[in-house]
Amino acid sequence: MTSPVDPAQSAHTPAPAANRPTATADVAGALKRYRVIAYIVGVMLLLLVCLAMPMKYAADNPSAMNVIGPLHGFLYVVYLLATLDLGRRVHWGLGKLILVALAGTIPFLSFYAERKVTHELTPAP
């Protein structure tokens, strides 16, 4: 026995977008964590490249590199974990996951990746 179906509703109801994850509290929390750590890693990478490395190699003063280098390394691992968490929740493919993870290694790219990911995962108004 089959249940009655309204043909007008089923013919005009769009299928949910398979590529766009639903905005759940878990995804929203993971996105927030990713956004915060992406910004912090981006700033730390700029400090490393624009301050610590010139001080070490041009001024022969490794003190900033000794502090900023390990701190950036630790924060990049946290960024990788946040990226993996977000990617798992929104079902990213391996390629996208790797590209977003690598964005924390190129100056300014983490800011761009964060905006692109946020735009992709935030519902349109």
N, C-alpha and C. Protein backbone atom coordinates (compact mmCIF):
# COMPACT_ATOMS: atom_id res chain seq x y z
N MET A 1 0.84 -1.16 0.00
CA MET A 1 0.00 0.00 0.00
C MET A 1 0.89 1.24 0.00
N THR A 2 0.59 2.18 -0.83
CA THR A 2 1.41 3.38 -0.92
C THR A 2 0.66 4.55 -0.34
N SER A 3 1.42 5.52 0.15
CA SER A 3 0.79 6.71 0.72
C SER A 3 0.53 7.71 -0.39
N PRO A 4 -0.53 8.48 -0.24
CA PRO A 4 -0.83 9.47 -1.27
C PRO A 4 0.23 10.57 -1.28
N VAL A 5 0.61 11.00 -2.46
CA VAL A 5 1.62 12.04 -2.62
C VAL A 5 1.00 13.16 -3.43
N ASP A 6 1.22 14.37 -2.99
CA ASP A 6 0.72 15.52 -3.74
C ASP A 6 1.65 15.74 -4.93
N PRO A 7 1.18 15.46 -6.17
CA PRO A 7 2.07 15.57 -7.32
C PRO A 7 2.57 16.99 -7.56
N ALA A 8 1.78 17.99 -7.21
CA ALA A 8 2.21 19.37 -7.42
C ALA A 8 3.39 19.71 -6.51
N GLN A 9 3.36 19.20 -5.30
CA GLN A 9 4.45 19.49 -4.36
C GLN A 9 5.71 18.74 -4.73
N SER A 10 5.60 17.47 -5.09
CA SER A 10 6.79 16.69 -5.38
C SER A 10 7.44 17.11 -6.69
N ALA A 11 6.68 17.63 -7.62
CA ALA A 11 7.25 18.03 -8.91
C ALA A 11 8.00 19.35 -8.81
N HIS A 12 7.59 20.21 -7.88
CA HIS A 12 8.20 21.55 -7.82
C HIS A 12 9.10 21.75 -6.62
N THR A 13 9.21 20.79 -5.76
CA THR A 13 10.06 20.92 -4.59
C THR A 13 11.49 20.61 -5.00
N PRO A 14 12.39 21.59 -4.86
CA PRO A 14 13.78 21.32 -5.23
C PRO A 14 14.43 20.35 -4.26
N ALA A 15 15.30 19.55 -4.80
CA ALA A 15 16.05 18.62 -3.96
C ALA A 15 17.05 19.41 -3.14
N PRO A 16 17.32 18.98 -1.92
CA PRO A 16 18.33 19.69 -1.12
C PRO A 16 19.69 19.61 -1.79
N ALA A 17 20.42 20.69 -1.67
CA ALA A 17 21.75 20.73 -2.28
C ALA A 17 22.67 19.75 -1.58
N ALA A 18 23.17 18.80 -2.33
CA ALA A 18 24.03 17.77 -1.73
C ALA A 18 25.40 18.32 -1.38
N ASN A 19 25.84 19.34 -2.09
CA ASN A 19 27.18 19.87 -1.84
C ASN A 19 27.22 20.90 -0.73
N ARG A 20 26.06 21.39 -0.30
CA ARG A 20 26.03 22.42 0.73
C ARG A 20 25.55 21.79 2.03
N PRO A 21 26.41 21.74 3.05
CA PRO A 21 26.00 21.11 4.30
C PRO A 21 24.94 21.95 5.01
N THR A 22 24.14 21.28 5.81
CA THR A 22 23.15 22.00 6.59
C THR A 22 23.85 22.71 7.74
N ALA A 23 23.33 23.87 8.09
CA ALA A 23 23.93 24.67 9.16
C ALA A 23 23.45 24.15 10.50
N THR A 24 24.21 23.28 11.08
CA THR A 24 23.88 22.76 12.40
C THR A 24 24.76 23.46 13.43
N ALA A 25 24.43 23.24 14.67
CA ALA A 25 25.23 23.85 15.73
C ALA A 25 26.65 23.31 15.71
N ASP A 26 26.82 22.02 15.36
CA ASP A 26 28.16 21.43 15.29
C ASP A 26 28.99 22.09 14.20
N VAL A 27 28.39 22.29 13.02
CA VAL A 27 29.11 22.93 11.92
C VAL A 27 29.42 24.38 12.27
N ALA A 28 28.45 25.07 12.86
CA ALA A 28 28.67 26.47 13.23
C ALA A 28 29.81 26.60 14.25
N GLY A 29 29.86 25.69 15.22
CA GLY A 29 30.94 25.72 16.21
C GLY A 29 32.29 25.42 15.59
N ALA A 30 32.32 24.41 14.71
CA ALA A 30 33.58 24.06 14.04
C ALA A 30 34.03 25.20 13.13
N LEU A 31 33.09 25.86 12.47
CA LEU A 31 33.44 26.99 11.60
C LEU A 31 34.00 28.14 12.43
N LYS A 32 33.41 28.41 13.56
CA LYS A 32 33.89 29.50 14.43
C LYS A 32 35.31 29.21 14.90
N ARG A 33 35.55 27.96 15.34
CA ARG A 33 36.90 27.59 15.78
C ARG A 33 37.89 27.72 14.63
N TYR A 34 37.50 27.27 13.44
CA TYR A 34 38.37 27.37 12.28
C TYR A 34 38.68 28.83 11.95
N ARG A 35 37.66 29.67 11.97
CA ARG A 35 37.87 31.09 11.64
C ARG A 35 38.84 31.75 12.60
N VAL A 36 38.68 31.49 13.88
CA VAL A 36 39.55 32.10 14.89
C VAL A 36 41.00 31.65 14.70
N ILE A 37 41.21 30.35 14.57
CA ILE A 37 42.58 29.85 14.46
C ILE A 37 43.19 30.22 13.11
N ALA A 38 42.39 30.31 12.06
CA ALA A 38 42.93 30.73 10.75
C ALA A 38 43.45 32.16 10.83
N TYR A 39 42.73 33.02 11.51
CA TYR A 39 43.17 34.40 11.68
C TYR A 39 44.46 34.46 12.51
N ILE A 40 44.49 33.72 13.61
CA ILE A 40 45.68 33.74 14.47
C ILE A 40 46.89 33.19 13.73
N VAL A 41 46.73 32.09 13.01
CA VAL A 41 47.85 31.50 12.27
C VAL A 41 48.31 32.45 11.17
N GLY A 42 47.38 33.13 10.52
CA GLY A 42 47.75 34.10 9.49
C GLY A 42 48.59 35.23 10.05
N VAL A 43 48.17 35.76 11.19
CA VAL A 43 48.93 36.85 11.83
C VAL A 43 50.30 36.35 12.28
N MET A 44 50.34 35.17 12.87
CA MET A 44 51.63 34.62 13.33
C MET A 44 52.58 34.36 12.16
N LEU A 45 52.04 33.89 11.05
CA LEU A 45 52.89 33.65 9.88
C LEU A 45 53.44 34.96 9.33
N LEU A 46 52.61 36.01 9.32
CA LEU A 46 53.11 37.32 8.89
C LEU A 46 54.19 37.84 9.83
N LEU A 47 54.00 37.65 11.13
CA LEU A 47 55.04 38.05 12.07
C LEU A 47 56.33 37.27 11.84
N LEU A 48 56.17 35.99 11.57
CA LEU A 48 57.34 35.14 11.33
C LEU A 48 58.10 35.59 10.09
N VAL A 49 57.36 35.83 9.01
CA VAL A 49 58.01 36.17 7.73
C VAL A 49 58.49 37.61 7.69
N CYS A 50 57.70 38.52 8.24
CA CYS A 50 58.03 39.96 8.12
C CYS A 50 58.86 40.51 9.27
N LEU A 51 58.90 39.81 10.39
CA LEU A 51 59.64 40.33 11.53
C LEU A 51 60.76 39.38 11.96
N ALA A 52 60.40 38.16 12.28
CA ALA A 52 61.38 37.24 12.87
C ALA A 52 62.46 36.81 11.89
N MET A 53 62.07 36.46 10.67
CA MET A 53 63.09 36.02 9.71
C MET A 53 64.04 37.15 9.31
N PRO A 54 63.55 38.36 9.01
CA PRO A 54 64.51 39.44 8.74
C PRO A 54 65.43 39.75 9.92
N MET A 55 64.87 39.67 11.12
CA MET A 55 65.73 39.91 12.28
C MET A 55 66.82 38.84 12.40
N LYS A 56 66.46 37.61 12.10
CA LYS A 56 67.44 36.53 12.22
C LYS A 56 68.50 36.62 11.14
N TYR A 57 68.08 36.81 9.90
CA TYR A 57 69.04 36.72 8.79
C TYR A 57 69.67 38.04 8.41
N ALA A 58 68.98 39.16 8.61
CA ALA A 58 69.56 40.45 8.24
C ALA A 58 70.27 41.11 9.42
N ALA A 59 69.72 40.96 10.60
CA ALA A 59 70.30 41.62 11.78
C ALA A 59 71.04 40.66 12.69
N ASP A 60 71.09 39.38 12.31
CA ASP A 60 71.78 38.37 13.10
C ASP A 60 71.29 38.34 14.55
N ASN A 61 69.96 38.45 14.69
CA ASN A 61 69.33 38.42 16.01
C ASN A 61 68.20 37.39 15.99
N PRO A 62 68.47 36.17 16.46
CA PRO A 62 67.46 35.11 16.36
C PRO A 62 66.42 35.10 17.49
N SER A 63 66.40 36.10 18.35
CA SER A 63 65.52 36.05 19.51
C SER A 63 64.04 35.99 19.13
N ALA A 64 63.61 36.78 18.16
CA ALA A 64 62.20 36.75 17.75
C ALA A 64 61.86 35.41 17.09
N MET A 65 62.79 34.88 16.31
CA MET A 65 62.57 33.59 15.65
C MET A 65 62.44 32.48 16.67
N ASN A 66 63.20 32.57 17.76
CA ASN A 66 63.15 31.55 18.81
C ASN A 66 61.81 31.53 19.53
N VAL A 67 61.08 32.64 19.51
CA VAL A 67 59.78 32.70 20.16
C VAL A 67 58.66 32.46 19.14
N ILE A 68 58.68 33.21 18.06
CA ILE A 68 57.58 33.18 17.09
C ILE A 68 57.57 31.87 16.30
N GLY A 69 58.73 31.33 15.97
CA GLY A 69 58.80 30.10 15.18
C GLY A 69 58.10 28.92 15.84
N PRO A 70 58.47 28.54 17.05
CA PRO A 70 57.78 27.43 17.71
C PRO A 70 56.31 27.72 18.01
N LEU A 71 56.00 28.98 18.33
CA LEU A 71 54.60 29.33 18.60
C LEU A 71 53.76 29.17 17.34
N HIS A 72 54.29 29.63 16.21
CA HIS A 72 53.57 29.44 14.95
C HIS A 72 53.42 27.95 14.63
N GLY A 73 54.46 27.18 14.87
CA GLY A 73 54.39 25.74 14.61
C GLY A 73 53.30 25.06 15.44
N PHE A 74 53.23 25.40 16.71
CA PHE A 74 52.19 24.83 17.57
C PHE A 74 50.81 25.27 17.09
N LEU A 75 50.66 26.56 16.79
CA LEU A 75 49.35 27.06 16.35
C LEU A 75 48.95 26.49 14.99
N TYR A 76 49.93 26.20 14.14
CA TYR A 76 49.61 25.58 12.86
C TYR A 76 49.06 24.16 13.06
N VAL A 77 49.57 23.45 14.04
CA VAL A 77 49.03 22.12 14.34
C VAL A 77 47.58 22.26 14.83
N VAL A 78 47.29 23.27 15.65
CA VAL A 78 45.92 23.52 16.08
C VAL A 78 45.05 23.87 14.87
N TYR A 79 45.59 24.67 13.94
CA TYR A 79 44.88 25.01 12.70
C TYR A 79 44.56 23.74 11.91
N LEU A 80 45.52 22.82 11.81
CA LEU A 80 45.28 21.57 11.10
C LEU A 80 44.16 20.78 11.75
N LEU A 81 44.16 20.71 13.07
CA LEU A 81 43.10 20.00 13.78
C LEU A 81 41.73 20.65 13.56
N ALA A 82 41.68 21.98 13.59
CA ALA A 82 40.42 22.68 13.35
C ALA A 82 39.95 22.47 11.91
N THR A 83 40.89 22.45 10.97
CA THR A 83 40.55 22.20 9.57
C THR A 83 40.02 20.78 9.39
N LEU A 84 40.68 19.82 10.01
CA LEU A 84 40.21 18.43 9.94
C LEU A 84 38.83 18.28 10.56
N ASP A 85 38.60 18.93 11.68
CA ASP A 85 37.31 18.86 12.35
C ASP A 85 36.21 19.45 11.45
N LEU A 86 36.46 20.63 10.91
CA LEU A 86 35.48 21.26 10.03
C LEU A 86 35.26 20.43 8.78
N GLY A 87 36.33 19.97 8.17
CA GLY A 87 36.22 19.16 6.95
C GLY A 87 35.45 17.87 7.18
N ARG A 88 35.63 17.26 8.34
CA ARG A 88 34.89 16.04 8.66
C ARG A 88 33.40 16.33 8.82
N ARG A 89 33.09 17.45 9.43
CA ARG A 89 31.68 17.79 9.68
C ARG A 89 30.93 18.18 8.40
N VAL A 90 31.63 18.79 7.45
CA VAL A 90 30.95 19.22 6.21
C VAL A 90 31.26 18.30 5.03
N HIS A 91 31.97 17.21 5.30
CA HIS A 91 32.24 16.17 4.30
C HIS A 91 33.02 16.68 3.10
N TRP A 92 34.14 17.39 3.37
CA TRP A 92 35.01 17.82 2.30
C TRP A 92 35.74 16.61 1.74
N GLY A 93 36.08 16.70 0.46
CA GLY A 93 36.94 15.69 -0.14
C GLY A 93 38.38 15.91 0.30
N LEU A 94 39.21 14.93 0.02
CA LEU A 94 40.61 15.00 0.44
C LEU A 94 41.33 16.19 -0.21
N GLY A 95 41.06 16.45 -1.48
CA GLY A 95 41.72 17.56 -2.17
C GLY A 95 41.43 18.90 -1.53
N LYS A 96 40.15 19.16 -1.24
CA LYS A 96 39.79 20.43 -0.62
C LYS A 96 40.38 20.53 0.78
N LEU A 97 40.36 19.43 1.50
CA LEU A 97 40.92 19.42 2.85
C LEU A 97 42.40 19.77 2.83
N ILE A 98 43.13 19.21 1.90
CA ILE A 98 44.56 19.49 1.78
C ILE A 98 44.80 20.94 1.39
N LEU A 99 44.02 21.47 0.45
CA LEU A 99 44.20 22.87 0.04
C LEU A 99 43.93 23.84 1.18
N VAL A 100 42.87 23.60 1.93
CA VAL A 100 42.55 24.48 3.05
C VAL A 100 43.63 24.35 4.13
N ALA A 101 44.11 23.14 4.35
CA ALA A 101 45.17 22.94 5.36
C ALA A 101 46.46 23.64 4.94
N LEU A 102 46.79 23.60 3.67
CA LEU A 102 48.02 24.26 3.19
C LEU A 102 47.91 25.78 3.19
N ALA A 103 46.71 26.29 3.29
CA ALA A 103 46.54 27.76 3.29
C ALA A 103 47.23 28.40 4.48
N GLY A 104 47.49 27.66 5.52
CA GLY A 104 48.18 28.22 6.69
C GLY A 104 49.68 28.30 6.53
N THR A 105 50.20 27.90 5.36
CA THR A 105 51.65 27.92 5.16
C THR A 105 52.11 29.04 4.23
N ILE A 106 51.18 29.75 3.61
CA ILE A 106 51.52 30.82 2.66
C ILE A 106 50.98 32.13 3.22
N PRO A 107 51.83 33.14 3.36
CA PRO A 107 51.37 34.40 3.93
C PRO A 107 50.15 34.95 3.18
N PHE A 108 49.20 35.45 3.93
CA PHE A 108 47.93 36.03 3.49
C PHE A 108 46.92 35.01 2.98
N LEU A 109 47.34 33.80 2.63
CA LEU A 109 46.40 32.83 2.07
C LEU A 109 45.42 32.31 3.11
N SER A 110 45.81 32.25 4.37
CA SER A 110 44.86 31.77 5.39
C SER A 110 43.69 32.73 5.53
N PHE A 111 43.93 34.03 5.33
CA PHE A 111 42.83 35.00 5.40
C PHE A 111 41.86 34.78 4.24
N TYR A 112 42.40 34.57 3.05
CA TYR A 112 41.57 34.32 1.87
C TYR A 112 40.78 33.02 2.03
N ALA A 113 41.45 31.96 2.47
CA ALA A 113 40.79 30.66 2.63
C ALA A 113 39.70 30.75 3.69
N GLU A 114 39.96 31.46 4.76
CA GLU A 114 38.95 31.61 5.81
C GLU A 114 37.71 32.31 5.28
N ARG A 115 37.88 33.37 4.50
CA ARG A 115 36.73 34.09 3.95
C ARG A 115 35.97 33.21 2.96
N LYS A 116 36.70 32.49 2.13
CA LYS A 116 36.05 31.63 1.14
C LYS A 116 35.28 30.50 1.81
N VAL A 117 35.87 29.86 2.81
CA VAL A 117 35.20 28.77 3.52
C VAL A 117 33.98 29.31 4.26
N THR A 118 34.13 30.46 4.91
CA THR A 118 33.00 31.05 5.64
C THR A 118 31.86 31.38 4.69
N HIS A 119 32.18 31.96 3.55
CA HIS A 119 31.15 32.30 2.56
C HIS A 119 30.45 31.04 2.05
N GLU A 120 31.22 30.00 1.85
CA GLU A 120 30.67 28.74 1.34
C GLU A 120 29.74 28.07 2.35
N LEU A 121 30.09 28.15 3.63
CA LEU A 121 29.32 27.42 4.64
C LEU A 121 28.25 28.25 5.34
N THR A 122 28.24 29.56 5.10
CA THR A 122 27.24 30.41 5.73
C THR A 122 26.06 30.54 4.79
N PRO A 123 24.84 30.30 5.28
CA PRO A 123 23.67 30.41 4.40
C PRO A 123 23.50 31.85 3.90
N ALA A 124 23.06 31.97 2.67
CA ALA A 124 22.80 33.29 2.09
C ALA A 124 21.63 33.94 2.80
N PRO A 125 21.67 35.26 2.97
CA PRO A 125 20.57 35.95 3.68
C PRO A 125 19.28 35.94 2.91
